[in-house]
Amino acid sequence: MILGLLLKPFSIAADVILALVPKKLLLLAIILLIVAIYYGYTYEF
């Protein structure tokens, strides 16, 4: 219940972003973010 209330603003924001940003662009951004995090961690250690 509390978790649902905490996540509500994020789900609303996600709905707005999905409405404004094309799905392919969003998917590309997520992939780039994952790759950037992965390479950031591998170079750090």
N, C-alpha and C. Protein backbone atom coordinates (compact mmCIF):
# COMPACT_ATOMS: atom_id res chain seq x y z
N MET A 1 0.84 -1.21 0.00
CA MET A 1 0.00 0.00 0.00
C MET A 1 0.87 1.25 0.00
N ILE A 2 1.81 1.32 0.97
CA ILE A 2 2.71 2.47 1.07
C ILE A 2 3.61 2.53 -0.17
N LEU A 3 4.08 1.36 -0.60
CA LEU A 3 4.92 1.28 -1.80
C LEU A 3 4.17 1.78 -3.02
N GLY A 4 2.88 1.44 -3.10
CA GLY A 4 2.05 1.91 -4.20
C GLY A 4 1.93 3.42 -4.20
N LEU A 5 1.79 4.01 -3.03
CA LEU A 5 1.69 5.47 -2.92
C LEU A 5 3.01 6.14 -3.29
N LEU A 6 4.13 5.48 -2.93
CA LEU A 6 5.45 6.02 -3.26
C LEU A 6 5.72 5.95 -4.76
N LEU A 7 5.25 4.87 -5.41
CA LEU A 7 5.52 4.67 -6.83
C LEU A 7 4.55 5.40 -7.75
N LYS A 8 3.44 5.91 -7.18
CA LYS A 8 2.43 6.58 -8.00
C LYS A 8 2.99 7.74 -8.83
N PRO A 9 3.75 8.67 -8.24
CA PRO A 9 4.31 9.77 -9.05
C PRO A 9 5.21 9.27 -10.17
N PHE A 10 5.96 8.19 -9.92
CA PHE A 10 6.85 7.64 -10.94
C PHE A 10 6.06 7.04 -12.09
N SER A 11 4.96 6.37 -11.76
CA SER A 11 4.14 5.77 -12.83
C SER A 11 3.47 6.86 -13.67
N ILE A 12 3.07 7.95 -13.02
CA ILE A 12 2.48 9.08 -13.76
C ILE A 12 3.54 9.70 -14.67
N ALA A 13 4.74 9.90 -14.14
CA ALA A 13 5.84 10.45 -14.93
C ALA A 13 6.17 9.53 -16.11
N ALA A 14 6.17 8.22 -15.86
CA ALA A 14 6.46 7.25 -16.91
C ALA A 14 5.40 7.32 -18.00
N ASP A 15 4.13 7.48 -17.62
CA ASP A 15 3.04 7.60 -18.60
C ASP A 15 3.21 8.84 -19.46
N VAL A 16 3.59 9.95 -18.84
CA VAL A 16 3.80 11.20 -19.57
C VAL A 16 4.97 11.06 -20.53
N ILE A 17 6.07 10.47 -20.06
CA ILE A 17 7.25 10.28 -20.91
C ILE A 17 6.91 9.37 -22.09
N LEU A 18 6.19 8.28 -21.82
CA LEU A 18 5.80 7.36 -22.89
C LEU A 18 4.89 8.04 -23.91
N ALA A 19 4.07 8.97 -23.45
CA ALA A 19 3.17 9.68 -24.36
C ALA A 19 3.95 10.66 -25.25
N LEU A 20 5.02 11.23 -24.71
CA LEU A 20 5.75 12.27 -25.43
C LEU A 20 6.92 11.73 -26.26
N VAL A 21 7.58 10.68 -25.75
CA VAL A 21 8.79 10.18 -26.40
C VAL A 21 8.45 8.91 -27.18
N PRO A 22 8.91 8.81 -28.43
CA PRO A 22 8.68 7.59 -29.20
C PRO A 22 9.32 6.38 -28.51
N LYS A 23 8.67 5.22 -28.64
CA LYS A 23 9.11 4.02 -27.94
C LYS A 23 10.53 3.59 -28.33
N LYS A 24 10.87 3.70 -29.61
CA LYS A 24 12.20 3.28 -30.06
C LYS A 24 13.29 4.14 -29.43
N LEU A 25 13.03 5.44 -29.34
CA LEU A 25 13.99 6.36 -28.74
C LEU A 25 14.18 6.04 -27.26
N LEU A 26 13.08 5.74 -26.58
CA LEU A 26 13.13 5.39 -25.16
C LEU A 26 13.92 4.11 -24.95
N LEU A 27 13.68 3.12 -25.80
CA LEU A 27 14.39 1.85 -25.72
C LEU A 27 15.89 2.07 -25.93
N LEU A 28 16.24 2.89 -26.90
CA LEU A 28 17.64 3.21 -27.17
C LEU A 28 18.28 3.89 -25.97
N ALA A 29 17.57 4.83 -25.35
CA ALA A 29 18.09 5.54 -24.19
C ALA A 29 18.34 4.57 -23.04
N ILE A 30 17.43 3.62 -22.81
CA ILE A 30 17.58 2.64 -21.74
C ILE A 30 18.79 1.74 -22.01
N ILE A 31 18.94 1.29 -23.26
CA ILE A 31 20.08 0.45 -23.62
C ILE A 31 21.39 1.20 -23.43
N LEU A 32 21.43 2.46 -23.87
CA LEU A 32 22.64 3.27 -23.70
C LEU A 32 22.97 3.47 -22.22
N LEU A 33 21.94 3.67 -21.42
CA LEU A 33 22.14 3.86 -19.98
C LEU A 33 22.74 2.60 -19.35
N ILE A 34 22.19 1.43 -19.71
CA ILE A 34 22.70 0.16 -19.19
C ILE A 34 24.14 -0.06 -19.61
N VAL A 35 24.45 0.21 -20.89
CA VAL A 35 25.81 0.05 -21.39
C VAL A 35 26.76 1.00 -20.68
N ALA A 36 26.34 2.25 -20.47
CA ALA A 36 27.18 3.24 -19.80
C ALA A 36 27.47 2.81 -18.36
N ILE A 37 26.45 2.31 -17.66
CA ILE A 37 26.63 1.85 -16.28
C ILE A 37 27.57 0.64 -16.26
N TYR A 38 27.36 -0.30 -17.20
CA TYR A 38 28.18 -1.50 -17.27
C TYR A 38 29.65 -1.15 -17.51
N TYR A 39 29.91 -0.30 -18.49
CA TYR A 39 31.29 0.07 -18.79
C TYR A 39 31.89 0.90 -17.67
N GLY A 40 31.07 1.75 -17.03
CA GLY A 40 31.53 2.55 -15.90
C GLY A 40 32.01 1.65 -14.76
N TYR A 41 31.26 0.61 -14.48
CA TYR A 41 31.64 -0.31 -13.41
C TYR A 41 32.85 -1.15 -13.79
N THR A 42 32.91 -1.61 -15.03
CA THR A 42 34.03 -2.47 -15.40
C THR A 42 35.34 -1.69 -15.43
N TYR A 43 35.31 -0.43 -15.83
CA TYR A 43 36.54 0.35 -15.85
C TYR A 43 36.95 0.79 -14.46
N GLU A 44 35.97 0.86 -13.55
CA GLU A 44 36.29 1.34 -12.21
C GLU A 44 37.08 0.31 -11.41
N PHE A 45 36.77 -0.99 -11.60
CA PHE A 45 37.41 -2.01 -10.77
C PHE A 45 38.74 -2.46 -11.31
